[in-house]
Protein backbone atom coordinates (compact mmCIF):
# COMPACT_ATOMS: atom_id res chain seq x y z
CA MET A 1 -78.81 -23.65 39.75
CA LYS A 2 -80.24 -26.98 38.67
CA TYR A 3 -79.04 -26.33 34.99
CA PHE A 4 -75.58 -26.24 36.23
CA THR A 5 -75.22 -30.08 36.96
CA LYS A 6 -72.02 -31.93 37.26
CA GLU A 7 -72.07 -32.99 33.66
CA VAL A 8 -72.62 -29.48 32.44
CA LYS A 9 -69.78 -28.14 34.47
CA ILE A 10 -67.36 -31.00 33.19
CA GLY A 11 -68.36 -29.77 29.52
CA LEU A 12 -67.70 -26.21 30.25
CA ALA A 13 -64.44 -26.77 31.59
CA GLY A 14 -63.55 -29.26 28.70
CA LEU A 15 -64.57 -26.20 26.46
CA ILE A 16 -62.23 -23.45 28.33
CA ALA A 17 -59.49 -25.97 28.48
CA LEU A 18 -59.50 -26.44 24.69
CA SER A 19 -60.03 -22.81 24.02
CA VAL A 20 -56.92 -22.00 26.01
CA LEU A 21 -55.15 -24.82 24.56
CA ILE A 22 -55.84 -23.55 20.88
CA TYR A 23 -55.22 -19.94 21.82
CA GLY A 24 -51.93 -20.79 23.48
CA ILE A 25 -50.77 -22.91 20.20
CA ASN A 26 -51.60 -20.08 18.16
CA TYR A 27 -49.89 -17.65 20.55
CA LEU A 28 -46.85 -19.74 20.33
CA LYS A 29 -46.86 -19.59 16.70
CA GLY A 30 -47.07 -15.94 16.87
CA ILE A 31 -50.74 -15.75 15.88
CA TYR A 32 -52.81 -13.42 18.08
CA MET A 33 -56.61 -14.31 17.65
CA PHE A 34 -58.08 -11.43 19.39
CA GLN A 35 -55.83 -8.66 17.70
CA PRO A 36 -57.24 -7.03 14.48
CA SER A 37 -55.11 -7.54 11.27
CA ASN A 38 -54.99 -7.25 7.58
CA TYR A 39 -54.42 -9.94 4.99
CA PHE A 40 -52.31 -9.53 1.98
CA TYR A 41 -50.87 -11.93 -0.56
CA ALA A 42 -47.56 -12.07 -2.18
CA HIS A 43 -46.81 -14.03 -5.23
CA PHE A 44 -43.43 -15.86 -5.80
CA GLU A 45 -41.98 -18.41 -8.49
CA ASN A 46 -40.09 -20.01 -5.56
CA ALA A 47 -40.82 -20.07 -1.99
CA ASN A 48 -37.24 -21.14 -1.23
CA GLY A 49 -38.20 -23.12 1.68
CA LEU A 50 -40.66 -20.56 3.35
CA THR A 51 -43.11 -22.33 6.27
CA LYS A 52 -46.11 -21.41 7.77
CA SER A 53 -46.00 -19.05 10.78
CA SER A 54 -42.81 -17.62 9.64
CA PRO A 55 -42.42 -14.02 11.00
CA VAL A 56 -42.64 -11.08 8.41
CA PHE A 57 -40.41 -8.11 8.88
CA ALA A 58 -40.47 -4.53 7.50
CA ASP A 59 -37.25 -2.38 7.98
CA GLY A 60 -36.15 -5.17 10.56
CA VAL A 61 -39.30 -4.75 12.75
CA ARG A 62 -41.70 -7.80 13.02
CA VAL A 63 -44.98 -6.74 11.40
CA GLY A 64 -46.82 -9.95 10.90
CA ILE A 65 -46.70 -13.59 9.90
CA VAL A 66 -47.22 -15.90 7.33
CA ARG A 67 -50.74 -17.54 7.37
CA ASN A 68 -50.87 -19.77 4.69
CA ILE A 69 -48.75 -21.19 1.51
CA SER A 70 -50.52 -22.42 -1.56
CA TYR A 71 -48.97 -23.73 -4.65
CA ASP A 72 -50.68 -24.04 -8.13
CA TYR A 73 -49.93 -27.55 -9.41
CA THR A 74 -51.23 -26.68 -12.68
CA LYS A 75 -48.79 -23.99 -13.14
CA PRO A 76 -45.50 -24.58 -11.83
CA GLY A 77 -43.49 -21.63 -10.50
CA ASN A 78 -46.83 -20.15 -8.93
CA VAL A 79 -46.64 -19.78 -5.41
CA THR A 80 -49.15 -17.81 -3.35
CA VAL A 81 -48.24 -16.56 0.09
CA GLU A 82 -50.86 -15.22 2.60
CA VAL A 83 -49.46 -12.92 5.13
CA GLU A 84 -51.25 -11.43 8.18
CA LEU A 85 -49.91 -7.89 8.56
CA ASP A 86 -50.72 -5.44 11.45
CA THR A 87 -53.53 -2.79 10.79
CA GLU A 88 -51.24 0.04 11.26
CA LEU A 89 -48.94 -0.95 8.66
CA ARG A 90 -49.36 0.80 5.41
CA ILE A 91 -47.91 -0.61 2.16
CA PRO A 92 -47.44 1.87 -0.44
CA LYS A 93 -47.75 1.01 -4.24
CA GLY A 94 -44.34 -0.14 -5.44
CA SER A 95 -43.50 -2.08 -2.51
CA CYS A 96 -42.70 -5.73 -2.84
CA ALA A 97 -42.13 -8.83 -0.65
CA GLU A 98 -38.67 -10.33 -0.43
CA LEU A 99 -37.58 -13.92 0.51
CA GLU A 100 -34.26 -13.90 2.13
CA THR A 101 -32.25 -16.86 2.73
CA GLU A 102 -30.32 -16.61 6.06
CA LEU A 103 -26.81 -17.81 6.97
CA MET A 104 -27.91 -20.87 8.90
CA GLY A 105 -30.44 -21.91 6.06
CA GLY A 106 -33.63 -20.15 7.61
CA VAL A 107 -35.96 -18.17 5.31
CA LYS A 108 -37.59 -14.85 6.29
CA MET A 109 -39.90 -12.62 4.61
CA ASN A 110 -39.19 -8.59 4.49
CA ILE A 111 -41.57 -6.19 3.06
CA LEU A 112 -39.59 -3.52 1.31
CA LEU A 113 -41.79 -0.41 1.39
CA ALA A 114 -41.50 2.17 -1.25
CA ASN A 115 -41.68 5.81 -0.99
CA ASN A 116 -45.07 6.40 -2.33
CA PRO A 117 -47.20 8.53 0.06
CA ARG A 118 -50.09 8.74 -2.44
CA GLU A 119 -51.14 5.15 -3.23
CA LYS A 120 -51.28 2.24 -1.29
CA TYR A 121 -52.28 -1.44 -1.32
CA GLN A 122 -55.70 -2.51 0.05
CA VAL A 123 -56.40 -5.26 2.16
CA GLY A 124 -56.58 -8.54 0.17
CA ASP A 125 -54.11 -7.32 -2.82
CA THR A 126 -51.18 -9.13 -4.17
CA ILE A 127 -47.65 -7.83 -3.71
CA PRO A 128 -45.16 -8.80 -5.87
CA GLY A 129 -42.34 -10.95 -4.58
CA LEU A 130 -38.67 -11.60 -5.14
CA VAL A 131 -36.04 -13.99 -3.98
CA ASN A 132 -32.76 -12.89 -2.55
CA SER A 133 -30.52 -15.57 -1.65
CA GLY A 134 -28.52 -13.42 0.58
CA MET A 135 -24.97 -14.40 1.94
CA MET A 136 -25.67 -17.90 0.72
CA ALA A 137 -25.50 -16.86 -2.81
CA SER A 138 -22.15 -15.30 -2.42
CA VAL A 139 -21.15 -18.44 -0.61
CA ASN A 140 -22.21 -20.74 -3.42
CA LYS A 141 -20.43 -18.41 -5.85
CA LEU A 142 -17.14 -18.73 -3.89
CA LEU A 143 -17.38 -22.59 -3.54
CA PRO A 144 -15.94 -23.36 -7.08
CA GLN A 145 -13.18 -20.97 -6.60
CA VAL A 146 -12.43 -22.08 -3.11
CA GLU A 147 -12.33 -25.91 -4.78
CA ARG A 148 -9.83 -24.33 -7.41
CA MET A 149 -7.69 -22.85 -4.63
CA LEU A 150 -7.58 -25.81 -2.59
CA PRO A 151 -4.84 -27.73 -4.40
CA LYS A 152 -2.85 -24.58 -4.61
CA VAL A 153 -3.15 -24.06 -0.98
CA ASP A 154 -2.12 -27.62 -0.29
CA SER A 155 1.10 -27.21 -2.26
CA ILE A 156 1.77 -24.21 -0.43
CA LEU A 157 1.56 -25.87 2.81
CA ILE A 158 3.64 -28.46 1.94
CA ALA A 159 6.36 -26.23 0.69
CA LEU A 160 5.99 -24.44 3.92
CA ASN A 161 6.32 -27.72 6.00
CA ALA A 162 9.50 -28.51 3.94
CA ILE A 163 10.92 -25.12 4.75
CA LEU A 164 10.15 -25.28 8.32
CA THR A 165 11.46 -28.86 8.57
CA ASN A 166 14.87 -27.63 7.27
CA LYS A 167 17.74 -28.31 9.70
CA SER A 168 19.52 -25.23 8.38
CA ILE A 169 16.74 -22.75 9.49
CA PRO A 170 17.85 -22.79 13.21
CA ALA A 171 21.34 -22.07 12.16
CA THR A 172 20.17 -19.45 9.92
CA LEU A 173 18.27 -17.82 12.64
CA GLY A 174 21.25 -18.26 14.84
CA SER A 175 23.17 -16.28 12.35
CA ILE A 176 20.71 -13.83 12.00
CA GLU A 177 20.51 -12.98 15.82
CA LYS A 178 24.31 -12.86 15.79
CA THR A 179 24.20 -10.42 13.00
CA THR A 180 21.49 -8.52 14.79
CA ALA A 181 23.73 -8.29 17.72
CA ASN A 182 26.75 -7.02 15.77
CA LEU A 183 24.67 -4.33 14.12
CA ALA A 184 23.58 -3.11 17.41
CA VAL A 185 27.41 -3.03 18.55
CA VAL A 186 28.25 -1.10 15.18
CA SER A 187 25.28 1.14 15.67
CA HIS A 188 26.39 1.99 19.31
CA GLN A 189 29.98 2.71 17.78
CA LEU A 190 28.41 4.93 15.05
CA LYS A 191 26.53 6.77 17.71
CA GLY A 192 29.92 7.26 19.58
CA ILE A 193 31.76 8.31 16.32
CA VAL A 194 28.76 10.75 15.31
CA GLY A 195 28.60 12.37 18.96
CA LYS A 196 32.43 12.67 19.42
CA ASP A 197 34.25 12.47 16.28
CA ILE A 198 31.99 14.19 13.63
CA PRO A 199 31.96 17.43 15.33
CA GLN A 200 35.66 17.48 15.71
CA LEU A 201 36.18 16.49 12.00
CA THR A 202 33.74 19.15 11.06
CA GLN A 203 35.53 21.75 13.02
CA LYS A 204 38.86 20.72 11.22
CA LEU A 205 37.09 20.75 7.84
CA ASN A 206 35.77 24.20 8.74
CA ILE A 207 39.34 25.33 9.63
CA ILE A 208 40.63 23.81 6.32
CA GLY A 209 37.74 25.63 4.23
CA ASP A 210 38.75 28.85 6.09
CA ASN A 211 42.36 28.31 4.95
CA PHE A 212 41.20 27.52 1.33
CA VAL A 213 39.34 30.73 1.32
CA VAL A 214 42.54 32.59 2.52
CA ILE A 215 44.74 30.97 0.09
CA SER A 216 42.06 31.76 -2.65
CA ASP A 217 42.33 35.42 -1.72
CA ASN A 218 46.06 35.40 -1.89
CA LEU A 219 45.98 33.70 -5.28
CA LYS A 220 43.57 36.33 -6.55
CA THR A 221 46.31 39.00 -5.68
CA ILE A 222 49.09 37.34 -7.63
CA ASP A 223 50.23 39.10 -10.94
CA TYR A 224 50.09 35.90 -13.20
CA ALA A 225 50.83 37.81 -16.16
CA GLY A 226 54.05 39.19 -14.76
CA THR A 227 54.96 35.93 -13.39
CA PHE A 228 54.65 34.19 -16.62
CA GLU A 229 56.51 37.04 -18.51
CA LYS A 230 59.20 36.56 -16.09
CA ILE A 231 59.31 32.71 -16.49
CA ASP A 232 59.36 33.23 -20.43
CA SER A 233 62.48 35.68 -19.98
CA THR A 234 64.28 33.20 -17.77
CA LEU A 235 63.66 30.43 -20.38
CA SER A 236 64.90 32.77 -22.98
CA ASN A 237 68.04 33.29 -21.15
CA VAL A 238 68.53 29.62 -20.18
CA LYS A 239 68.30 28.96 -24.00
CA LEU A 240 70.76 31.43 -24.98
CA ILE A 241 73.16 30.18 -22.50
CA THR A 242 72.54 26.90 -23.89
CA ASP A 243 73.22 27.91 -27.26
CA LYS A 244 76.50 29.67 -26.40
CA LEU A 245 77.74 26.89 -24.54
CA GLN A 246 77.11 24.72 -27.73
CA SER A 247 78.77 27.06 -30.05
CA LYS A 248 82.42 27.71 -30.51
CA ASP A 249 82.61 31.45 -31.02
CA ASN A 250 83.21 32.00 -27.45
CA SER A 251 85.57 31.09 -24.60
CA VAL A 252 83.19 28.71 -22.76
CA GLY A 253 82.19 27.10 -25.97
CA LEU A 254 85.53 26.44 -26.92
CA LEU A 255 86.39 25.05 -23.47
CA LEU A 256 83.33 22.77 -23.61
CA ASN A 257 83.48 21.76 -27.30
CA SER A 258 87.14 21.77 -28.27
CA PRO A 259 88.80 18.17 -28.05
CA ASP A 260 92.26 19.75 -27.92
CA LEU A 261 91.61 20.91 -24.46
CA TYR A 262 90.70 17.47 -23.36
CA HIS A 263 93.66 15.92 -24.90
CA ASN A 264 96.01 18.74 -23.18
CA LEU A 265 94.36 18.25 -20.05
CA ASN A 266 95.03 14.43 -20.20
CA SER A 267 98.67 15.16 -21.28
CA THR A 268 99.25 17.57 -18.35
CA ALA A 269 97.66 15.26 -15.92
CA ALA A 270 99.82 12.27 -17.27
CA ASN A 271 102.90 14.45 -16.87
CA ALA A 272 102.28 15.53 -13.30
CA SER A 273 101.69 12.02 -12.37
CA LEU A 274 105.19 11.05 -13.85
CA LEU A 275 106.66 13.97 -11.87
CA LEU A 276 105.08 13.16 -8.69
CA GLU A 277 106.53 9.59 -9.15
CA ASP A 278 110.08 10.93 -9.85
CA LEU A 279 109.85 13.20 -6.92
CA LYS A 280 108.95 10.31 -4.78
CA ALA A 281 111.70 8.14 -6.24
CA ASN A 282 114.64 11.03 -6.26
CA PRO A 283 113.40 13.65 -3.75
CA LYS A 284 116.91 14.96 -3.54
CA ARG A 285 117.12 15.86 -7.12
CA TYR A 286 114.43 18.67 -6.19
CA VAL A 287 115.02 19.47 -2.66
CA HIS A 288 118.53 20.27 -1.12
CA PHE A 289 118.99 20.53 2.59
CA SER A 290 122.18 21.25 4.63
CA LEU A 291 123.03 22.76 7.74
CA PHE A 292 126.43 23.87 6.48
CA GLY A 293 125.30 25.26 3.12
CA LYS A 294 125.34 23.29 -0.25
CA LYS A 295 128.39 22.20 -2.11
CA ASN A 296 129.00 23.12 -5.62
CA LYS A 297 128.67 20.26 -8.10
């Protein structure tokens, strides 16, 4: 027990504390010192901001970390990333390492596993890498279009502001409200008409239709040929009478067409008028009345 002096104990305690500190720092970084792992390398032209101790994912599962990033200063565009992966992970040939830029600006590495059950990468092999800008690339592509759209959006907002500040809009809205109320009243009235008047009108129309059917049936029974023949015969007789009235070879024609009859009638009327006037003037000449008989003149 004489070897465990006070100084030795202090030294052992310091070593244990330093070991615990180193292990704790590595643990916080995601480095498990006592867990077996495999090392692979990935080659990129641009690390895109990847840092050491960044997690490595495969199919969304954390399978390792980035141990080291080396840049070849003699050959620009040549970046080698050393990754530490779980020993259970099998990387088939044809797989690649992808650097994906996240929305908040961070970068993570994804191992895109290929479907190749026969061949696989061995420990220490170099995996080809590619860079995927992710959503940031889409955002960068949209930024120029957004910049071009901003003046148009500004113009639209100015136009909308002018429309909304127009004093006629409240009056228009009031008119629309009144129109809506009137339409509601009209709709209610139409509903009443449809419920009451339309059935009655339909019934009357049905009766009229039935009457038209009866009239049509009656019209079918009329002898149109015989009727028209009688009409033609009547018109012929009327024409014959008219012709006879216009001719002078019959009594009626002579009466209607002879001017002598007209003059004789006028002369007779004139004589009758004179006779009536003389009768009024000298009634005793034509009428004799006496209680004792008349005297001889």
